[in-house]
Each structure stands twice: as C-alpha cells, then as structure tokens.
C-alpha cells in the first residue's frame, strides 16, 4: 500500500478529485483536495497479538483465511476503533482459540517499511478455557520452542516476536509463568 492509494480518488468532504501532494519535504505524498484543502491521512492499522504459554508450550494457530492461509501465527487480530489494544489482544485470543487470558506484559511493537499493520504483542497468562480452533483458524496447537514451525510462520512479526520472547525468557527474563502475576499497565 502506498500513501496515495488509487482507491481514494475523491474528497470525502466536498467530492472533488484528490491530488497527490507533498505537504512537507520530509513526508510522503498524501491525498489532498485542491478545492477544500482536506488532507486524507492514510493511517496504519493496529493489530494486537498474544504470546500465550500453556503447559510450558506456546499457542500457535494455523490460519484458515488469507493472507497466508495454512501458515502459523500467534493469536491476534485488528483493534476495533475505540477499543483498548490490551482488550483487543484478550478478545482476539478468546475468539481465535477459546482461551481467556490476562495481560502479563508488553513484549513489543513491530512495524515494517511499506506494510500497513503495526503489530503490538503482549505476553499473556492463561485464565480459563479449552484450546479450540476458532472460525478463522484451521488448528490451534501447543509448540515447545524446538517444535515451532519457523519456516511456516505466516508473518515476519510472528517470527520477530517469538524470537524476542525466547531471547528474553532464555536470558532469565520474565515469561508468562514466572514472577509477579499482576497485570502490567
């Protein structure tokens, strides 16, 4: 996706055709209405994900939808407008694999040049429920660190978050099953 997508042809305020202009030299081109000066900012989408450990293994889901159908991801999905990112991570985890969780800590934020999503990943703790496959999931499965299907992970953010998680855990950092059980803000 570029900063001026062809699907945005007309101004949502006055209906005139949008131009692609650089408003500042250090910024990308943006859709701007030459009639009313409305600027259409094409903001990134926020995705909230969970790294959830159960029985000393990580929960991964095999995607049942595109993109990357059939590949493995951590539980997660888009944050709804007005929704807290933490709440979205908890909601998406329950929707996708039937497990209720609570936030333990923020692992990291992942974004990549030329890609729309900003992926926020939390380490979560199991609260209740049985691991199931949700309606967008072909399979929900537990993996040890050595069993993770690295070559079949769907997104770079999944790869990077899992590497960060295990790097922290293997260096004696906090994991979902260690230390203080109080959710972090």
C-alpha atoms as a PDB file:
ATOM      1  CA  UNK A   1       0.000   0.000   0.000  1.00  0.00           C
ATOM      2  CA  UNK A   2       1.349   3.413  -0.879  1.00  0.00           C
ATOM      3  CA  UNK A   3       0.490   6.657   0.837  1.00  0.00           C
ATOM      4  CA  UNK A   4      -1.848   7.609  -2.025  1.00  0.00           C
ATOM      5  CA  UNK A   5      -3.848   4.559  -2.948  1.00  0.00           C
ATOM      6  CA  UNK A   6      -5.781   4.646  -6.208  1.00  0.00           C
ATOM      7  CA  UNK A   7      -8.996   3.642  -4.393  1.00  0.00           C
ATOM      8  CA  UNK A   8      -9.091   7.094  -2.764  1.00  0.00           C
ATOM      9  CA  UNK A   9      -9.950   9.236  -5.773  1.00  0.00           C
ATOM     10  CA  UNK A  10     -12.417  11.744  -4.322  1.00  0.00           C
ATOM     11  CA  UNK A  11     -12.591  14.047  -1.323  1.00  0.00           C
ATOM     12  CA  UNK A  12     -14.929  12.730   1.411  1.00  0.00           C
ATOM     13  CA  UNK A  13     -15.753  16.348   2.384  1.00  0.00           C
ATOM     14  CA  UNK A  14     -16.625  18.056  -0.925  1.00  0.00           C
ATOM     15  CA  UNK A  15     -16.473  15.270  -3.526  1.00  0.00           C
ATOM     16  CA  UNK A  16     -13.800  16.808  -5.754  1.00  0.00           C
ATOM     17  CA  UNK A  17     -10.945  14.743  -7.146  1.00  0.00           C
ATOM     18  CA  UNK A  18      -7.950  14.375  -4.814  1.00  0.00           C
ATOM     19  CA  UNK A  19      -4.416  15.326  -5.809  1.00  0.00           C
ATOM     20  CA  UNK A  20      -1.273  13.639  -4.538  1.00  0.00           C
ATOM     21  CA  UNK A  21       0.870  16.282  -2.843  1.00  0.00           C
ATOM     22  CA  UNK A  22       3.905  16.522  -0.605  1.00  0.00           C
ATOM     23  CA  UNK A  23       2.899  18.858   2.224  1.00  0.00           C
ATOM     24  CA  UNK A  24       6.382  18.838   3.761  1.00  0.00           C
ATOM     25  CA  UNK A  25       9.672  17.847   2.179  1.00  0.00           C
ATOM     26  CA  UNK A  26      10.347  15.082   4.709  1.00  0.00           C
ATOM     27  CA  UNK A  27       6.886  13.470   4.421  1.00  0.00           C
ATOM     28  CA  UNK A  28       5.374  11.151   1.807  1.00  0.00           C
ATOM     29  CA  UNK A  29       2.810  12.270  -0.743  1.00  0.00           C
ATOM     30  CA  UNK A  30      -0.713  12.423   0.632  1.00  0.00           C
ATOM     31  CA  UNK A  31      -4.185  12.673  -0.920  1.00  0.00           C
ATOM     32  CA  UNK A  32      -5.176  16.371  -0.725  1.00  0.00           C
ATOM     33  CA  UNK A  33      -8.282  18.113  -2.017  1.00  0.00           C
ATOM     34  CA  UNK A  34      -7.340  21.190  -4.074  1.00  0.00           C
ATOM     35  CA  UNK A  35     -10.826  22.669  -3.504  1.00  0.00           C
ATOM     36  CA  UNK A  36     -11.312  22.482   0.280  1.00  0.00           C
ATOM     37  CA  UNK A  37      -7.708  21.600   1.332  1.00  0.00           C
ATOM     38  CA  UNK A  38      -8.814  18.445   3.159  1.00  0.00           C
ATOM     39  CA  UNK A  39      -5.872  16.087   3.749  1.00  0.00           C
ATOM     40  CA  UNK A  40      -6.658  12.366   3.808  1.00  0.00           C
ATOM     41  CA  UNK A  41      -4.203  10.734   6.221  1.00  0.00           C
ATOM     42  CA  UNK A  42      -3.898   7.031   5.497  1.00  0.00           C
ATOM     43  CA  UNK A  43      -3.049   5.729   8.933  1.00  0.00           C
ATOM     44  CA  UNK A  44      -1.737   2.264   9.745  1.00  0.00           C
ATOM     45  CA  UNK A  45      -3.970  -0.464  11.126  1.00  0.00           C
ATOM     46  CA  UNK A  46      -3.181  -1.686  14.617  1.00  0.00           C
ATOM     47  CA  UNK A  47      -3.031  -5.424  15.295  1.00  0.00           C
ATOM     48  CA  UNK A  48      -2.999  -6.823  18.849  1.00  0.00           C
ATOM     49  CA  UNK A  49      -1.465 -10.259  19.457  1.00  0.00           C
ATOM     50  CA  UNK A  50      -0.777 -12.577  22.375  1.00  0.00           C
ATOM     51  CA  UNK A  51       2.056 -14.896  23.156  1.00  0.00           C
ATOM     52  CA  UNK A  52       0.352 -17.408  25.409  1.00  0.00           C
ATOM     53  CA  UNK A  53       2.178 -20.212  27.172  1.00  0.00           C
ATOM     54  CA  UNK A  54       0.187 -23.255  28.309  1.00  0.00           C
ATOM     55  CA  UNK A  55       1.800 -26.374  29.774  1.00  0.00           C
ATOM     56  CA  UNK A  56       5.251 -24.858  29.071  1.00  0.00           C
ATOM     57  CA  UNK A  57       4.428 -24.564  25.353  1.00  0.00           C
ATOM     58  CA  UNK A  58       3.376 -21.671  23.111  1.00  0.00           C
ATOM     59  CA  UNK A  59      -0.070 -21.494  21.486  1.00  0.00           C
ATOM     60  CA  UNK A  60       0.090 -21.073  17.711  1.00  0.00           C
ATOM     61  CA  UNK A  61      -2.812 -21.057  15.272  1.00  0.00           C
ATOM     62  CA  UNK A  62      -2.908 -22.294  11.699  1.00  0.00           C
ATOM     63  CA  UNK A  63      -4.711 -19.619   9.685  1.00  0.00           C
ATOM     64  CA  UNK A  64      -7.957 -20.565   7.989  1.00  0.00           C
ATOM     65  CA  UNK A  65      -8.179 -17.334   5.989  1.00  0.00           C
ATOM     66  CA  UNK A  66      -5.980 -15.322   3.649  1.00  0.00           C
ATOM     67  CA  UNK A  67      -3.480 -13.849   3.692  1.00  0.00           C
ATOM     68  CA  UNK A  68      -1.123 -16.727   4.444  1.00  0.00           C
ATOM     69  CA  UNK A  69      -3.882 -19.325   4.822  1.00  0.00           C
ATOM     70  CA  UNK A  70      -2.478 -22.539   6.289  1.00  0.00           C
ATOM     71  CA  UNK A  71       0.513 -20.875   7.957  1.00  0.00           C
ATOM     72  CA  UNK A  72       1.045 -20.446  11.696  1.00  0.00           C
ATOM     73  CA  UNK A  73       0.562 -17.275  13.774  1.00  0.00           C
ATOM     74  CA  UNK A  74       0.168 -16.233  17.366  1.00  0.00           C
ATOM     75  CA  UNK A  75      -3.420 -15.366  18.400  1.00  0.00           C
ATOM     76  CA  UNK A  76      -4.327 -11.832  17.359  1.00  0.00           C
ATOM     77  CA  UNK A  77      -6.225  -9.512  15.084  1.00  0.00           C
ATOM     78  CA  UNK A  78      -7.224  -5.953  14.306  1.00  0.00           C
ATOM     79  CA  UNK A  79      -8.034  -3.492  17.064  1.00  0.00           C
ATOM     80  CA  UNK A  80     -11.522  -2.033  16.677  1.00  0.00           C
ATOM     81  CA  UNK A  81     -11.936   1.740  16.645  1.00  0.00           C
ATOM     82  CA  UNK A  82     -12.194   2.958  20.243  1.00  0.00           C
ATOM     83  CA  UNK A  83     -11.021  -0.367  21.681  1.00  0.00           C
ATOM     84  CA  UNK A  84      -8.041  -0.564  24.023  1.00  0.00           C
ATOM     85  CA  UNK A  85      -5.170  -2.515  22.477  1.00  0.00           C
ATOM     86  CA  UNK A  86      -4.896  -4.764  25.551  1.00  0.00           C
ATOM     87  CA  UNK A  87      -8.615  -5.549  25.370  1.00  0.00           C
ATOM     88  CA  UNK A  88      -8.257  -6.425  21.681  1.00  0.00           C
ATOM     89  CA  UNK A  89      -5.429  -8.871  22.435  1.00  0.00           C
ATOM     90  CA  UNK A  90      -7.571 -10.607  25.057  1.00  0.00           C
ATOM     91  CA  UNK A  91     -10.676 -10.602  22.803  1.00  0.00           C
ATOM     92  CA  UNK A  92      -8.846 -11.918  19.749  1.00  0.00           C
ATOM     93  CA  UNK A  93      -7.192 -14.699  21.753  1.00  0.00           C
ATOM     94  CA  UNK A  94     -10.562 -15.855  23.064  1.00  0.00           C
ATOM     95  CA  UNK A  95     -12.214 -15.612  19.618  1.00  0.00           C
ATOM     96  CA  UNK A  96      -9.431 -17.474  17.836  1.00  0.00           C
ATOM     97  CA  UNK A  97      -8.638 -20.245  20.296  1.00  0.00           C
ATOM     98  CA  UNK A  98     -11.306 -20.286  23.037  1.00  0.00           C
ATOM     99  CA  UNK A  99      -8.972 -19.353  25.888  1.00  0.00           C
ATOM    100  CA  UNK A 100      -9.491 -16.495  28.326  1.00  0.00           C
ATOM    101  CA  UNK A 101      -6.264 -14.688  29.198  1.00  0.00           C
ATOM    102  CA  UNK A 102      -4.980 -11.675  31.041  1.00  0.00           C
ATOM    103  CA  UNK A 103      -2.147  -9.374  30.087  1.00  0.00           C
ATOM    104  CA  UNK A 104       1.163 -10.037  31.793  1.00  0.00           C
ATOM    105  CA  UNK A 105       3.420  -7.595  29.945  1.00  0.00           C
ATOM    106  CA  UNK A 106       4.032  -5.783  26.693  1.00  0.00           C
ATOM    107  CA  UNK A 107       6.578  -7.698  24.617  1.00  0.00           C
ATOM    108  CA  UNK A 108       6.992  -5.224  21.766  1.00  0.00           C
ATOM    109  CA  UNK A 109       5.662  -3.307  18.791  1.00  0.00           C
ATOM    110  CA  UNK A 110       6.538  -4.475  15.282  1.00  0.00           C
ATOM    111  CA  UNK A 111       6.257  -2.470  12.067  1.00  0.00           C
ATOM    112  CA  UNK A 112       7.904  -2.840   8.688  1.00  0.00           C
ATOM    113  CA  UNK A 113       8.607  -0.382   5.903  1.00  0.00           C
ATOM    114  CA  UNK A 114       5.934  -0.452   3.209  1.00  0.00           C
ATOM    115  CA  UNK A 115       3.489  -2.515   5.293  1.00  0.00           C
ATOM    116  CA  UNK A 116       0.261  -1.174   6.787  1.00  0.00           C
ATOM    117  CA  UNK A 117      -0.107  -3.004  10.123  1.00  0.00           C
ATOM    118  CA  UNK A 118       1.590  -2.048  13.360  1.00  0.00           C
ATOM    119  CA  UNK A 119       1.612  -5.217  15.462  1.00  0.00           C
ATOM    120  CA  UNK A 120       1.513  -4.870  19.257  1.00  0.00           C
ATOM    121  CA  UNK A 121       2.402  -8.105  21.063  1.00  0.00           C
ATOM    122  CA  UNK A 122       1.632  -8.895  24.687  1.00  0.00           C
ATOM    123  CA  UNK A 123       2.735 -11.816  26.803  1.00  0.00           C
ATOM    124  CA  UNK A 124      -0.480 -13.163  28.321  1.00  0.00           C
ATOM    125  CA  UNK A 125      -1.387 -15.608  31.057  1.00  0.00           C
ATOM    126  CA  UNK A 126      -3.910 -18.417  30.767  1.00  0.00           C
ATOM    127  CA  UNK A 127      -7.028 -17.829  32.897  1.00  0.00           C
ATOM    128  CA  UNK A 128      -9.572 -20.396  31.707  1.00  0.00           C
ATOM    129  CA  UNK A 129     -10.996 -22.331  28.769  1.00  0.00           C
ATOM    130  CA  UNK A 130     -10.101 -25.193  26.495  1.00  0.00           C
ATOM    131  CA  UNK A 131      -7.861 -24.696  23.482  1.00  0.00           C
ATOM    132  CA  UNK A 132     -10.050 -24.865  20.346  1.00  0.00           C
ATOM    133  CA  UNK A 133      -9.931 -23.723  16.729  1.00  0.00           C
ATOM    134  CA  UNK A 134     -11.983 -20.565  16.157  1.00  0.00           C
ATOM    135  CA  UNK A 135     -13.917 -19.814  12.968  1.00  0.00           C
ATOM    136  CA  UNK A 136     -10.862 -18.268  11.230  1.00  0.00           C
ATOM    137  CA  UNK A 137      -8.486 -20.956  12.479  1.00  0.00           C
ATOM    138  CA  UNK A 138      -7.788 -24.386  10.975  1.00  0.00           C
ATOM    139  CA  UNK A 139      -5.930 -25.645  14.026  1.00  0.00           C
ATOM    140  CA  UNK A 140      -4.819 -24.489  17.472  1.00  0.00           C
ATOM    141  CA  UNK A 141      -1.750 -26.268  18.770  1.00  0.00           C
ATOM    142  CA  UNK A 142       0.872 -26.100  21.514  1.00  0.00           C
ATOM    143  CA  UNK A 143       4.552 -25.956  20.495  1.00  0.00           C
ATOM    144  CA  UNK A 144       7.737 -26.160  22.517  1.00  0.00           C
ATOM    145  CA  UNK A 145      10.486 -23.775  21.430  1.00  0.00           C
ATOM    146  CA  UNK A 146      12.185 -26.583  19.477  1.00  0.00           C
ATOM    147  CA  UNK A 147       8.913 -27.590  17.750  1.00  0.00           C
ATOM    148  CA  UNK A 148       7.951 -24.157  16.400  1.00  0.00           C
ATOM    149  CA  UNK A 149       7.486 -24.390  12.601  1.00  0.00           C
ATOM    150  CA  UNK A 150       9.764 -21.427  11.865  1.00  0.00           C
ATOM    151  CA  UNK A 151       9.653 -21.963   8.080  1.00  0.00           C
ATOM    152  CA  UNK A 152       5.842 -21.980   8.132  1.00  0.00           C
ATOM    153  CA  UNK A 153       5.137 -18.875  10.203  1.00  0.00           C
ATOM    154  CA  UNK A 154       2.801 -16.500   8.372  1.00  0.00           C
ATOM    155  CA  UNK A 155       4.251 -13.088   9.147  1.00  0.00           C
ATOM    156  CA  UNK A 156       7.595 -11.510   9.986  1.00  0.00           C
ATOM    157  CA  UNK A 157       6.035 -10.027  13.127  1.00  0.00           C
ATOM    158  CA  UNK A 158       5.299 -13.555  14.388  1.00  0.00           C
ATOM    159  CA  UNK A 159       8.903 -14.602  13.749  1.00  0.00           C
ATOM    160  CA  UNK A 160      10.323 -11.488  15.404  1.00  0.00           C
ATOM    161  CA  UNK A 161       8.004 -11.599  18.432  1.00  0.00           C
ATOM    162  CA  UNK A 162       8.700 -15.271  19.106  1.00  0.00           C
ATOM    163  CA  UNK A 163      12.456 -14.687  18.810  1.00  0.00           C
ATOM    164  CA  UNK A 164      12.207 -11.732  21.207  1.00  0.00           C
ATOM    165  CA  UNK A 165      10.105 -13.776  23.622  1.00  0.00           C
ATOM    166  CA  UNK A 166      12.502 -16.712  23.712  1.00  0.00           C
ATOM    167  CA  UNK A 167      15.578 -14.469  23.855  1.00  0.00           C
ATOM    168  CA  UNK A 168      14.146 -12.745  26.924  1.00  0.00           C
ATOM    169  CA  UNK A 169      12.978 -15.973  28.521  1.00  0.00           C
ATOM    170  CA  UNK A 170      16.251 -17.827  27.896  1.00  0.00           C
ATOM    171  CA  UNK A 171      18.250 -14.938  29.393  1.00  0.00           C
ATOM    172  CA  UNK A 172      16.229 -15.181  32.577  1.00  0.00           C
ATOM    173  CA  UNK A 173      13.725 -12.508  31.587  1.00  0.00           C
ATOM    174  CA  UNK A 174      10.094 -12.524  32.577  1.00  0.00           C
ATOM    175  CA  UNK A 175       7.811 -15.101  30.982  1.00  0.00           C
ATOM    176  CA  UNK A 176       4.072 -15.656  31.429  1.00  0.00           C
ATOM    177  CA  UNK A 177       4.675 -18.364  34.023  1.00  0.00           C
ATOM    178  CA  UNK A 178       7.316 -16.586  36.118  1.00  0.00           C
ATOM    179  CA  UNK A 179       7.325 -13.819  38.689  1.00  0.00           C
ATOM    180  CA  UNK A 180       4.638 -11.317  39.566  1.00  0.00           C
ATOM    181  CA  UNK A 181       1.177 -12.306  38.331  1.00  0.00           C
ATOM    182  CA  UNK A 182      -0.185  -8.751  38.455  1.00  0.00           C
ATOM    183  CA  UNK A 183      -1.176  -7.394  35.014  1.00  0.00           C
ATOM    184  CA  UNK A 184       1.029  -4.535  33.878  1.00  0.00           C
ATOM    185  CA  UNK A 185      -0.313  -1.221  32.607  1.00  0.00           C
END
